[in-house]
């Protein structure tokens, strides 16, 4: 349901959203125009009753997913990943491991150039 809402939201706000150039701008726009509350109304239209406790527990995750999927629809991956990484622990760990691997590769490459190997 989040993905279908994000697609519909992006489609109906495409002109305004296309003017945004960064993930931060997307987040600010989505917060300013309260896309999360629009999602809650959309879900209700689809037969999902509002669950205040559930929204309290999961609201941040849902809101972040909405922003990320809307950004992906407009900007592609450059908009998606900076937003989704706020809640995706697996992605954050993958980024951390990749950065560590790059540091190791740089050390090995530097050692080879210097003649340590």
PDB file of N, CA and C in Angstrom:
ATOM      1  N   UNK A   1       0.817  -1.181   0.000  1.00  0.00           N
ATOM      2  CA  UNK A   1       0.000   0.000   0.000  1.00  0.00           C
ATOM      3  C   UNK A   1       0.874   1.264   0.000  1.00  0.00           C
ATOM      4  N   UNK A   2       1.989   1.210   0.696  1.00  0.00           N
ATOM      5  CA  UNK A   2       2.888   2.369   0.736  1.00  0.00           C
ATOM      6  C   UNK A   2       3.406   2.679  -0.662  1.00  0.00           C
ATOM      7  N   UNK A   3       3.806   1.631  -1.369  1.00  0.00           N
ATOM      8  CA  UNK A   3       4.359   1.834  -2.706  1.00  0.00           C
ATOM      9  C   UNK A   3       3.306   2.412  -3.654  1.00  0.00           C
ATOM     10  N   UNK A   4       2.088   1.881  -3.606  1.00  0.00           N
ATOM     11  CA  UNK A   4       1.044   2.388  -4.507  1.00  0.00           C
ATOM     12  C   UNK A   4       0.688   3.840  -4.165  1.00  0.00           C
ATOM     13  N   UNK A   5       0.668   4.174  -2.876  1.00  0.00           N
ATOM     14  CA  UNK A   5       0.424   5.564  -2.489  1.00  0.00           C
ATOM     15  C   UNK A   5       1.548   6.460  -3.003  1.00  0.00           C
ATOM     16  N   UNK A   6       2.785   6.029  -2.806  1.00  0.00           N
ATOM     17  CA  UNK A   6       3.932   6.839  -3.228  1.00  0.00           C
ATOM     18  C   UNK A   6       3.893   7.096  -4.731  1.00  0.00           C
ATOM     19  N   UNK A   7       3.538   6.075  -5.486  1.00  0.00           N
ATOM     20  CA  UNK A   7       3.446   6.235  -6.937  1.00  0.00           C
ATOM     21  C   UNK A   7       2.358   7.248  -7.292  1.00  0.00           C
ATOM     22  N   UNK A   8       1.178   7.097  -6.687  1.00  0.00           N
ATOM     23  CA  UNK A   8       0.069   8.016  -6.961  1.00  0.00           C
ATOM     24  C   UNK A   8       0.420   9.441  -6.523  1.00  0.00           C
ATOM     25  N   UNK A   9       1.073   9.569  -5.363  1.00  0.00           N
ATOM     26  CA  UNK A   9       1.462  10.882  -4.855  1.00  0.00           C
ATOM     27  C   UNK A   9       2.460  11.538  -5.810  1.00  0.00           C
ATOM     28  N   UNK A  10       3.459  10.779  -6.220  1.00  0.00           N
ATOM     29  CA  UNK A  10       4.464  11.316  -7.140  1.00  0.00           C
ATOM     30  C   UNK A  10       3.815  11.743  -8.450  1.00  0.00           C
ATOM     31  N   UNK A  11       2.901  10.932  -8.938  1.00  0.00           N
ATOM     32  CA  UNK A  11       2.240  11.234 -10.197  1.00  0.00           C
ATOM     33  C   UNK A  11       1.400  12.506 -10.096  1.00  0.00           C
ATOM     34  N   UNK A  12       0.682  12.677  -8.998  1.00  0.00           N
ATOM     35  CA  UNK A  12      -0.191  13.849  -8.867  1.00  0.00           C
ATOM     36  C   UNK A  12       0.558  15.126  -8.475  1.00  0.00           C
ATOM     37  N   UNK A  13       1.795  14.997  -8.001  1.00  0.00           N
ATOM     38  CA  UNK A  13       2.596  16.165  -7.610  1.00  0.00           C
ATOM     39  C   UNK A  13       3.873  16.286  -8.451  1.00  0.00           C
ATOM     40  N   UNK A  14       3.892  15.616  -9.585  1.00  0.00           N
ATOM     41  CA  UNK A  14       5.111  15.526 -10.396  1.00  0.00           C
ATOM     42  C   UNK A  14       5.696  16.896 -10.751  1.00  0.00           C
ATOM     43  N   UNK A  15       4.856  17.848 -11.125  1.00  0.00           N
ATOM     44  CA  UNK A  15       5.371  19.164 -11.523  1.00  0.00           C
ATOM     45  C   UNK A  15       6.157  19.829 -10.396  1.00  0.00           C
ATOM     46  N   UNK A  16       5.580  19.829  -9.188  1.00  0.00           N
ATOM     47  CA  UNK A  16       6.271  20.461  -8.062  1.00  0.00           C
ATOM     48  C   UNK A  16       7.504  19.655  -7.648  1.00  0.00           C
ATOM     49  N   UNK A  17       7.348  18.332  -7.603  1.00  0.00           N
ATOM     50  CA  UNK A  17       8.443  17.470  -7.147  1.00  0.00           C
ATOM     51  C   UNK A  17       9.626  17.490  -8.109  1.00  0.00           C
ATOM     52  N   UNK A  18       9.358  17.675  -9.385  1.00  0.00           N
ATOM     53  CA  UNK A  18      10.438  17.693 -10.381  1.00  0.00           C
ATOM     54  C   UNK A  18      11.360  18.893 -10.202  1.00  0.00           C
ATOM     55  N   UNK A  19      10.912  19.888  -9.475  1.00  0.00           N
ATOM     56  CA  UNK A  19      11.735  21.075  -9.218  1.00  0.00           C
ATOM     57  C   UNK A  19      12.732  20.846  -8.085  1.00  0.00           C
ATOM     58  N   UNK A  20      12.544  19.786  -7.318  1.00  0.00           N
ATOM     59  CA  UNK A  20      13.418  19.497  -6.184  1.00  0.00           C
ATOM     60  C   UNK A  20      14.666  18.781  -6.685  1.00  0.00           C
ATOM     61  N   UNK A  21      15.807  19.093  -6.090  1.00  0.00           N
ATOM     62  CA  UNK A  21      17.055  18.556  -6.630  1.00  0.00           C
ATOM     63  C   UNK A  21      17.838  17.667  -5.670  1.00  0.00           C
ATOM     64  N   UNK A  22      17.323  17.447  -4.474  1.00  0.00           N
ATOM     65  CA  UNK A  22      18.059  16.598  -3.536  1.00  0.00           C
ATOM     66  C   UNK A  22      17.086  15.834  -2.648  1.00  0.00           C
ATOM     67  N   UNK A  23      17.594  14.795  -2.026  1.00  0.00           N
ATOM     68  CA  UNK A  23      16.788  14.006  -1.093  1.00  0.00           C
ATOM     69  C   UNK A  23      16.333  14.871   0.085  1.00  0.00           C
ATOM     70  N   UNK A  24      17.189  15.769   0.540  1.00  0.00           N
ATOM     71  CA  UNK A  24      16.808  16.667   1.642  1.00  0.00           C
ATOM     72  C   UNK A  24      15.625  17.549   1.254  1.00  0.00           C
ATOM     73  N   UNK A  25      15.649  18.062   0.033  1.00  0.00           N
ATOM     74  CA  UNK A  25      14.535  18.880  -0.430  1.00  0.00           C
ATOM     75  C   UNK A  25      13.248  18.060  -0.492  1.00  0.00           C
ATOM     76  N   UNK A  26      13.358  16.803  -0.918  1.00  0.00           N
ATOM     77  CA  UNK A  26      12.187  15.924  -0.946  1.00  0.00           C
ATOM     78  C   UNK A  26      11.616  15.747   0.451  1.00  0.00           C
ATOM     79  N   UNK A  27      12.484  15.452   1.394  1.00  0.00           N
ATOM     80  CA  UNK A  27      12.009  15.246   2.766  1.00  0.00           C
ATOM     81  C   UNK A  27      11.321  16.489   3.308  1.00  0.00           C
ATOM     82  N   UNK A  28      11.925  17.636   3.090  1.00  0.00           N
ATOM     83  CA  UNK A  28      11.336  18.886   3.574  1.00  0.00           C
ATOM     84  C   UNK A  28       9.984  19.147   2.921  1.00  0.00           C
ATOM     85  N   UNK A  29       9.907  18.914   1.620  1.00  0.00           N
ATOM     86  CA  UNK A  29       8.646  19.107   0.901  1.00  0.00           C
ATOM     87  C   UNK A  29       7.574  18.173   1.453  1.00  0.00           C
ATOM     88  N   UNK A  30       7.914  16.897   1.598  1.00  0.00           N
ATOM     89  CA  UNK A  30       6.944  15.900   2.052  1.00  0.00           C
ATOM     90  C   UNK A  30       6.475  16.210   3.479  1.00  0.00           C
ATOM     91  N   UNK A  31       7.362  16.707   4.309  1.00  0.00           N
ATOM     92  CA  UNK A  31       6.979  17.096   5.671  1.00  0.00           C
ATOM     93  C   UNK A  31       6.091  18.342   5.654  1.00  0.00           C
ATOM     94  N   UNK A  32       6.490  19.313   4.859  1.00  0.00           N
ATOM     95  CA  UNK A  32       5.746  20.576   4.785  1.00  0.00           C
ATOM     96  C   UNK A  32       4.304  20.344   4.334  1.00  0.00           C
ATOM     97  N   UNK A  33       4.129  19.472   3.340  1.00  0.00           N
ATOM     98  CA  UNK A  33       2.794  19.238   2.792  1.00  0.00           C
ATOM     99  C   UNK A  33       2.122  18.009   3.399  1.00  0.00           C
ATOM    100  N   UNK A  34       2.689  17.485   4.466  1.00  0.00           N
ATOM    101  CA  UNK A  34       2.093  16.439   5.286  1.00  0.00           C
ATOM    102  C   UNK A  34       1.644  15.212   4.499  1.00  0.00           C
ATOM    103  N   UNK A  35       2.560  14.669   3.715  1.00  0.00           N
ATOM    104  CA  UNK A  35       2.258  13.486   2.910  1.00  0.00           C
ATOM    105  C   UNK A  35       1.865  12.299   3.781  1.00  0.00           C
ATOM    106  N   UNK A  36       2.389  12.230   4.988  1.00  0.00           N
ATOM    107  CA  UNK A  36       2.060  11.114   5.875  1.00  0.00           C
ATOM    108  C   UNK A  36       0.565  11.088   6.183  1.00  0.00           C
ATOM    109  N   UNK A  37      -0.001  12.248   6.500  1.00  0.00           N
ATOM    110  CA  UNK A  37      -1.442  12.301   6.774  1.00  0.00           C
ATOM    111  C   UNK A  37      -2.255  11.972   5.528  1.00  0.00           C
ATOM    112  N   UNK A  38      -1.746  12.360   4.358  1.00  0.00           N
ATOM    113  CA  UNK A  38      -2.414  11.978   3.111  1.00  0.00           C
ATOM    114  C   UNK A  38      -2.399  10.459   2.957  1.00  0.00           C
ATOM    115  N   UNK A  39      -1.298   9.830   3.356  1.00  0.00           N
ATOM    116  CA  UNK A  39      -1.221   8.374   3.288  1.00  0.00           C
ATOM    117  C   UNK A  39      -2.246   7.727   4.214  1.00  0.00           C
ATOM    118  N   UNK A  40      -2.383   8.250   5.417  1.00  0.00           N
ATOM    119  CA  UNK A  40      -3.354   7.702   6.371  1.00  0.00           C
ATOM    120  C   UNK A  40      -4.762   7.798   5.777  1.00  0.00           C
ATOM    121  N   UNK A  41      -5.081   8.928   5.146  1.00  0.00           N
ATOM    122  CA  UNK A  41      -6.392   9.091   4.503  1.00  0.00           C
ATOM    123  C   UNK A  41      -6.540   8.125   3.326  1.00  0.00           C
ATOM    124  N   UNK A  42      -5.470   7.959   2.560  1.00  0.00           N
ATOM    125  CA  UNK A  42      -5.463   7.027   1.421  1.00  0.00           C
ATOM    126  C   UNK A  42      -5.722   5.603   1.912  1.00  0.00           C
ATOM    127  N   UNK A  43      -5.061   5.217   2.976  1.00  0.00           N
ATOM    128  CA  UNK A  43      -5.243   3.871   3.531  1.00  0.00           C
ATOM    129  C   UNK A  43      -6.684   3.674   3.990  1.00  0.00           C
ATOM    130  N   UNK A  44      -7.252   4.703   4.594  1.00  0.00           N
ATOM    131  CA  UNK A  44      -8.642   4.606   5.051  1.00  0.00           C
ATOM    132  C   UNK A  44      -9.581   4.425   3.865  1.00  0.00           C
ATOM    133  N   UNK A  45      -9.321   5.157   2.779  1.00  0.00           N
ATOM    134  CA  UNK A  45     -10.121   5.005   1.558  1.00  0.00           C
ATOM    135  C   UNK A  45     -10.044   3.577   1.015  1.00  0.00           C
ATOM    136  N   UNK A  46      -8.920   2.931   1.261  1.00  0.00           N
ATOM    137  CA  UNK A  46      -8.711   1.558   0.784  1.00  0.00           C
ATOM    138  C   UNK A  46      -9.216   0.525   1.787  1.00  0.00           C
ATOM    139  N   UNK A  47      -9.841   0.982   2.862  1.00  0.00           N
ATOM    140  CA  UNK A  47     -10.441   0.063   3.821  1.00  0.00           C
ATOM    141  C   UNK A  47      -9.601  -0.257   5.044  1.00  0.00           C
ATOM    142  N   UNK A  48      -8.491   0.448   5.221  1.00  0.00           N
ATOM    143  CA  UNK A  48      -7.632   0.218   6.385  1.00  0.00           C
ATOM    144  C   UNK A  48      -7.957   1.282   7.431  1.00  0.00           C
ATOM    145  N   UNK A  49      -8.473   0.840   8.554  1.00  0.00           N
ATOM    146  CA  UNK A  49      -8.820   1.776   9.618  1.00  0.00           C
ATOM    147  C   UNK A  49      -7.561   2.321  10.286  1.00  0.00           C
ATOM    148  N   UNK A  50      -7.637   3.552  10.713  1.00  0.00           N
ATOM    149  CA  UNK A  50      -6.514   4.194  11.403  1.00  0.00           C
ATOM    150  C   UNK A  50      -6.280   3.499  12.739  1.00  0.00           C
ATOM    151  N   UNK A  51      -5.037   3.156  12.976  1.00  0.00           N
ATOM    152  CA  UNK A  51      -4.618   2.501  14.220  1.00  0.00           C
ATOM    153  C   UNK A  51      -3.607   3.425  14.895  1.00  0.00           C
ATOM    154  N   UNK A  52      -4.080   4.201  15.848  1.00  0.00           N
ATOM    155  CA  UNK A  52      -3.229   5.203  16.495  1.00  0.00           C
ATOM    156  C   UNK A  52      -1.990   4.584  17.124  1.00  0.00           C
ATOM    157  N   UNK A  53      -2.148   3.453  17.798  1.00  0.00           N
ATOM    158  CA  UNK A  53      -0.994   2.794  18.430  1.00  0.00           C
ATOM    159  C   UNK A  53      -0.011   2.290  17.375  1.00  0.00           C
ATOM    160  N   UNK A  54      -0.537   1.702  16.315  1.00  0.00           N
ATOM    161  CA  UNK A  54       0.321   1.218  15.232  1.00  0.00           C
ATOM    162  C   UNK A  54       1.071   2.349  14.558  1.00  0.00           C
ATOM    163  N   UNK A  55       0.387   3.462  14.338  1.00  0.00           N
ATOM    164  CA  UNK A  55       1.039   4.621  13.729  1.00  0.00           C
ATOM    165  C   UNK A  55       2.087   5.213  14.657  1.00  0.00           C
ATOM    166  N   UNK A  56       1.801   5.185  15.946  1.00  0.00           N
ATOM    167  CA  UNK A  56       2.778   5.687  16.918  1.00  0.00           C
ATOM    168  C   UNK A  56       4.047   4.833  16.872  1.00  0.00           C
ATOM    169  N   UNK A  57       3.863   3.531  16.780  1.00  0.00           N
ATOM    170  CA  UNK A  57       5.003   2.611  16.772  1.00  0.00           C
ATOM    171  C   UNK A  57       5.742   2.611  15.434  1.00  0.00           C
ATOM    172  N   UNK A  58       5.014   2.733  14.338  1.00  0.00           N
ATOM    173  CA  UNK A  58       5.612   2.560  13.012  1.00  0.00           C
ATOM    174  C   UNK A  58       5.595   3.815  12.154  1.00  0.00           C
ATOM    175  N   UNK A  59       5.097   4.900  12.673  1.00  0.00           N
ATOM    176  CA  UNK A  59       4.935   6.110  11.878  1.00  0.00           C
ATOM    177  C   UNK A  59       6.203   6.607  11.225  1.00  0.00           C
ATOM    178  N   UNK A  60       7.295   6.604  11.949  1.00  0.00           N
ATOM    179  CA  UNK A  60       8.565   7.089  11.392  1.00  0.00           C
ATOM    180  C   UNK A  60       9.006   6.224  10.223  1.00  0.00           C
ATOM    181  N   UNK A  61       8.884   4.917  10.378  1.00  0.00           N
ATOM    182  CA  UNK A  61       9.286   3.999   9.307  1.00  0.00           C
ATOM    183  C   UNK A  61       8.399   4.201   8.084  1.00  0.00           C
ATOM    184  N   UNK A  62       7.096   4.266   8.302  1.00  0.00           N
ATOM    185  CA  UNK A  62       6.160   4.453   7.188  1.00  0.00           C
ATOM    186  C   UNK A  62       6.422   5.784   6.492  1.00  0.00           C
ATOM    187  N   UNK A  63       6.582   6.843   7.257  1.00  0.00           N
ATOM    188  CA  UNK A  63       6.837   8.164   6.694  1.00  0.00           C
ATOM    189  C   UNK A  63       8.118   8.173   5.861  1.00  0.00           C
ATOM    190  N   UNK A  64       9.156   7.550   6.375  1.00  0.00           N
ATOM    191  CA  UNK A  64      10.427   7.496   5.657  1.00  0.00           C
ATOM    192  C   UNK A  64      10.290   6.687   4.377  1.00  0.00           C
ATOM    193  N   UNK A  65       9.573   5.578   4.431  1.00  0.00           N
ATOM    194  CA  UNK A  65       9.355   4.776   3.226  1.00  0.00           C
ATOM    195  C   UNK A  65       8.586   5.566   2.172  1.00  0.00           C
ATOM    196  N   UNK A  66       7.567   6.280   2.587  1.00  0.00           N
ATOM    197  CA  UNK A  66       6.794   7.097   1.643  1.00  0.00           C
ATOM    198  C   UNK A  66       7.714   8.099   0.954  1.00  0.00           C
ATOM    199  N   UNK A  67       8.490   8.821   1.744  1.00  0.00           N
ATOM    200  CA  UNK A  67       9.400   9.821   1.181  1.00  0.00           C
ATOM    201  C   UNK A  67      10.386   9.177   0.209  1.00  0.00           C
ATOM    202  N   UNK A  68      10.949   8.043   0.606  1.00  0.00           N
ATOM    203  CA  UNK A  68      11.946   7.370  -0.227  1.00  0.00           C
ATOM    204  C   UNK A  68      11.349   6.894  -1.546  1.00  0.00           C
ATOM    205  N   UNK A  69      10.171   6.297  -1.501  1.00  0.00           N
ATOM    206  CA  UNK A  69       9.554   5.792  -2.731  1.00  0.00           C
ATOM    207  C   UNK A  69       9.093   6.918  -3.647  1.00  0.00           C
ATOM    208  N   UNK A  70       8.614   8.009  -3.084  1.00  0.00           N
ATOM    209  CA  UNK A  70       8.259   9.160  -3.917  1.00  0.00           C
ATOM    210  C   UNK A  70       9.525   9.719  -4.564  1.00  0.00           C
ATOM    211  N   UNK A  71      10.577   9.867  -3.780  1.00  0.00           N
ATOM    212  CA  UNK A  71      11.843  10.381  -4.317  1.00  0.00           C
ATOM    213  C   UNK A  71      12.386   9.468  -5.410  1.00  0.00           C
ATOM    214  N   UNK A  72      12.280   8.159  -5.231  1.00  0.00           N
ATOM    215  CA  UNK A  72      12.750   7.211  -6.254  1.00  0.00           C
ATOM    216  C   UNK A  72      11.960   7.396  -7.542  1.00  0.00           C
ATOM    217  N   UNK A  73      10.672   7.610  -7.417  1.00  0.00           N
ATOM    218  CA  UNK A  73       9.826   7.771  -8.594  1.00  0.00           C
ATOM    219  C   UNK A  73      10.197   9.014  -9.385  1.00  0.00           C
ATOM    220  N   UNK A  74      10.659  10.040  -8.707  1.00  0.00           N
ATOM    221  CA  UNK A  74      10.999  11.303  -9.371  1.00  0.00           C
ATOM    222  C   UNK A  74      12.487  11.374  -9.723  1.00  0.00           C
ATOM    223  N   UNK A  75      13.364  11.022  -8.782  1.00  0.00           N
ATOM    224  CA  UNK A  75      14.811  11.208  -8.951  1.00  0.00           C
ATOM    225  C   UNK A  75      15.580   9.923  -9.207  1.00  0.00           C
ATOM    226  N   UNK A  76      14.945   8.794  -9.046  1.00  0.00           N
ATOM    227  CA  UNK A  76      15.657   7.531  -9.174  1.00  0.00           C
ATOM    228  C   UNK A  76      16.378   7.188  -7.882  1.00  0.00           C
ATOM    229  N   UNK A  77      17.408   6.381  -8.013  1.00  0.00           N
ATOM    230  CA  UNK A  77      18.131   5.887  -6.841  1.00  0.00           C
ATOM    231  C   UNK A  77      18.814   7.006  -6.055  1.00  0.00           C
ATOM    232  N   UNK A  78      19.190   8.100  -6.740  1.00  0.00           N
ATOM    233  CA  UNK A  78      19.850   9.215  -6.056  1.00  0.00           C
ATOM    234  C   UNK A  78      18.938   9.862  -5.019  1.00  0.00           C
ATOM    235  N   UNK A  79      17.647   9.759  -5.223  1.00  0.00           N
ATOM    236  CA  UNK A  79      16.705  10.274  -4.242  1.00  0.00           C
ATOM    237  C   UNK A  79      16.323   9.245  -3.202  1.00  0.00           C
ATOM    238  N   UNK A  80      16.292   7.987  -3.619  1.00  0.00           N
ATOM    239  CA  UNK A  80      15.815   6.907  -2.754  1.00  0.00           C
ATOM    240  C   UNK A  80      16.775   6.578  -1.613  1.00  0.00           C
ATOM    241  N   UNK A  81      18.014   6.251  -1.937  1.00  0.00           N
ATOM    242  CA  UNK A  81      18.932   5.723  -0.921  1.00  0.00           C
ATOM    243  C   UNK A  81      19.291   6.692   0.204  1.00  0.00           C
ATOM    244  N   UNK A  82      19.495   7.983  -0.074  1.00  0.00           N
ATOM    245  CA  UNK A  82      19.788   8.878   1.056  1.00  0.00           C
ATOM    246  C   UNK A  82      18.652   8.951   2.076  1.00  0.00           C
ATOM    247  N   UNK A  83      17.432   8.706   1.627  1.00  0.00           N
ATOM    248  CA  UNK A  83      16.295   8.751   2.546  1.00  0.00           C
ATOM    249  C   UNK A  83      16.103   7.412   3.240  1.00  0.00           C
ATOM    250  N   UNK A  84      16.091   6.326   2.475  1.00  0.00           N
ATOM    251  CA  UNK A  84      15.773   5.012   3.051  1.00  0.00           C
ATOM    252  C   UNK A  84      16.855   4.543   4.022  1.00  0.00           C
ATOM    253  N   UNK A  85      18.077   5.014   3.840  1.00  0.00           N
ATOM    254  CA  UNK A  85      19.147   4.545   4.730  1.00  0.00           C
ATOM    255  C   UNK A  85      18.926   4.970   6.185  1.00  0.00           C
ATOM    256  N   UNK A  86      18.046   5.938   6.397  1.00  0.00           N
ATOM    257  CA  UNK A  86      17.743   6.369   7.764  1.00  0.00           C
ATOM    258  C   UNK A  86      17.086   5.261   8.584  1.00  0.00           C
ATOM    259  N   UNK A  87      16.414   4.333   7.908  1.00  0.00           N
ATOM    260  CA  UNK A  87      15.699   3.274   8.627  1.00  0.00           C
ATOM    261  C   UNK A  87      16.152   1.874   8.249  1.00  0.00           C
ATOM    262  N   UNK A  88      17.000   1.749   7.241  1.00  0.00           N
ATOM    263  CA  UNK A  88      17.399   0.433   6.742  1.00  0.00           C
ATOM    264  C   UNK A  88      18.759   0.054   7.328  1.00  0.00           C
ATOM    265  N   UNK A  89      18.733  -0.704   8.404  1.00  0.00           N
ATOM    266  CA  UNK A  89      19.965  -1.079   9.099  1.00  0.00           C
ATOM    267  C   UNK A  89      20.861  -1.958   8.235  1.00  0.00           C
ATOM    268  N   UNK A  90      20.263  -2.792   7.405  1.00  0.00           N
ATOM    269  CA  UNK A  90      21.049  -3.652   6.516  1.00  0.00           C
ATOM    270  C   UNK A  90      21.809  -2.807   5.509  1.00  0.00           C
ATOM    271  N   UNK A  91      21.145  -1.821   4.941  1.00  0.00           N
ATOM    272  CA  UNK A  91      21.801  -0.924   3.995  1.00  0.00           C
ATOM    273  C   UNK A  91      22.930  -0.159   4.673  1.00  0.00           C
ATOM    274  N   UNK A  92      22.686   0.352   5.871  1.00  0.00           N
ATOM    275  CA  UNK A  92      23.733   1.076   6.594  1.00  0.00           C
ATOM    276  C   UNK A  92      24.943   0.190   6.851  1.00  0.00           C
ATOM    277  N   UNK A  93      24.698  -1.057   7.211  1.00  0.00           N
ATOM    278  CA  UNK A  93      25.803  -1.995   7.457  1.00  0.00           C
ATOM    279  C   UNK A  93      26.558  -2.286   6.162  1.00  0.00           C
ATOM    280  N   UNK A  94      25.833  -2.435   5.064  1.00  0.00           N
ATOM    281  CA  UNK A  94      26.482  -2.683   3.775  1.00  0.00           C
ATOM    282  C   UNK A  94      27.365  -1.504   3.373  1.00  0.00           C
ATOM    283  N   UNK A  95      26.886  -0.296   3.609  1.00  0.00           N
ATOM    284  CA  UNK A  95      27.684   0.898   3.311  1.00  0.00           C
ATOM    285  C   UNK A  95      28.938   0.911   4.175  1.00  0.00           C
ATOM    286  N   UNK A  96      28.785   0.592   5.447  1.00  0.00           N
ATOM    287  CA  UNK A  96      29.923   0.563   6.373  1.00  0.00           C
ATOM    288  C   UNK A  96      30.966  -0.460   5.923  1.00  0.00           C
ATOM    289  N   UNK A  97      30.524  -1.659   5.576  1.00  0.00           N
ATOM    290  CA  UNK A  97      31.445  -2.715   5.139  1.00  0.00           C
ATOM    291  C   UNK A  97      32.127  -2.311   3.836  1.00  0.00           C
ATOM    292  N   UNK A  98      31.380  -1.728   2.918  1.00  0.00           N
ATOM    293  CA  UNK A  98      31.964  -1.282   1.651  1.00  0.00           C
ATOM    294  C   UNK A  98      33.044  -0.237   1.884  1.00  0.00           C
ATOM    295  N   UNK A  99      32.777   0.691   2.791  1.00  0.00           N
ATOM    296  CA  UNK A  99      33.770   1.720   3.093  1.00  0.00           C
ATOM    297  C   UNK A  99      35.014   1.109   3.731  1.00  0.00           C
ATOM    298  N   UNK A 100      34.824   0.126   4.605  1.00  0.00           N
ATOM    299  CA  UNK A 100      35.962  -0.550   5.222  1.00  0.00           C
ATOM    300  C   UNK A 100      36.775  -1.295   4.164  1.00  0.00           C
ATOM    301  N   UNK A 101      36.088  -1.959   3.242  1.00  0.00           N
ATOM    302  CA  UNK A 101      36.777  -2.680   2.173  1.00  0.00           C
ATOM    303  C   UNK A 101      37.561  -1.730   1.288  1.00  0.00           C
ATOM    304  N   UNK A 102      36.997  -0.560   1.000  1.00  0.00           N
ATOM    305  CA  UNK A 102      37.709   0.426   0.194  1.00  0.00           C
ATOM    306  C   UNK A 102      38.959   0.912   0.910  1.00  0.00           C
ATOM    307  N   UNK A 103      38.868   1.101   2.230  1.00  0.00           N
ATOM    308  CA  UNK A 103      40.039   1.536   2.988  1.00  0.00           C
ATOM    309  C   UNK A 103      41.125   0.463   2.933  1.00  0.00           C
ATOM    310  N   UNK A 104      40.738  -0.798   3.066  1.00  0.00           N
ATOM    311  CA  UNK A 104      41.705  -1.897   3.005  1.00  0.00           C
ATOM    312  C   UNK A 104      42.324  -1.964   1.616  1.00  0.00           C
ATOM    313  N   UNK A 105      41.501  -1.839   0.571  1.00  0.00           N
ATOM    314  CA  UNK A 105      42.023  -1.869  -0.794  1.00  0.00           C
ATOM    315  C   UNK A 105      42.994  -0.722  -1.033  1.00  0.00           C
ATOM    316  N   UNK A 106      42.695   0.449  -0.484  1.00  0.00           N
ATOM    317  CA  UNK A 106      43.591   1.593  -0.644  1.00  0.00           C
ATOM    318  C   UNK A 106      44.919   1.347   0.058  1.00  0.00           C
ATOM    319  N   UNK A 107      44.886   0.739   1.235  1.00  0.00           N
ATOM    320  CA  UNK A 107      46.115   0.429   1.961  1.00  0.00           C
ATOM    321  C   UNK A 107      46.936  -0.584   1.175  1.00  0.00           C
ATOM    322  N   UNK A 108      46.283  -1.629   0.666  1.00  0.00           N
ATOM    323  CA  UNK A 108      46.984  -2.659  -0.109  1.00  0.00           C
ATOM    324  C   UNK A 108      47.569  -2.050  -1.372  1.00  0.00           C
ATOM    325  N   UNK A 109      46.799  -1.212  -2.061  1.00  0.00           N
ATOM    326  CA  UNK A 109      47.286  -0.576  -3.280  1.00  0.00           C
ATOM    327  C   UNK A 109      48.462   0.339  -2.971  1.00  0.00           C
ATOM    328  N   UNK A 110      48.388   1.090  -1.882  1.00  0.00           N
ATOM    329  CA  UNK A 110      49.477   1.980  -1.483  1.00  0.00           C
ATOM    330  C   UNK A 110      50.716   1.170  -1.137  1.00  0.00           C
ATOM    331  N   UNK A 111      50.537   0.063  -0.410  1.00  0.00           N
ATOM    332  CA  UNK A 111      51.665  -0.797  -0.063  1.00  0.00           C
ATOM    333  C   UNK A 111      52.330  -1.350  -1.314  1.00  0.00           C
ATOM    334  N   UNK A 112      51.546  -1.707  -2.317  1.00  0.00           N
ATOM    335  CA  UNK A 112      52.096  -2.248  -3.560  1.00  0.00           C
ATOM    336  C   UNK A 112      52.905  -1.198  -4.296  1.00  0.00           C
ATOM    337  N   UNK A 113      52.411   0.037  -4.307  1.00  0.00           N
ATOM    338  CA  UNK A 113      53.110   1.124  -4.986  1.00  0.00           C
ATOM    339  C   UNK A 113      54.421   1.423  -4.282  1.00  0.00           C
ATOM    340  N   UNK A 114      54.416   1.383  -2.964  1.00  0.00           N
ATOM    341  CA  UNK A 114      55.597   1.684  -2.173  1.00  0.00           C
ATOM    342  C   UNK A 114      56.585   0.522  -2.217  1.00  0.00           C
ATOM    343  N   UNK A 115      56.110  -0.654  -2.550  1.00  0.00           N
ATOM    344  CA  UNK A 115      56.972  -1.821  -2.630  1.00  0.00           C
ATOM    345  C   UNK A 115      57.033  -2.638  -1.363  1.00  0.00           C
ATOM    346  N   UNK A 116      56.034  -2.513  -0.513  1.00  0.00           N
ATOM    347  CA  UNK A 116      56.020  -3.259   0.741  1.00  0.00           C
ATOM    348  C   UNK A 116      55.705  -4.722   0.488  1.00  0.00           C
ATOM    349  N   UNK A 117      54.875  -5.023  -0.498  1.00  0.00           N
ATOM    350  CA  UNK A 117      54.504  -6.428  -0.767  1.00  0.00           C
ATOM    351  C   UNK A 117      55.626  -7.186  -1.360  1.00  0.00           C
TER     352      UNK A 117
END
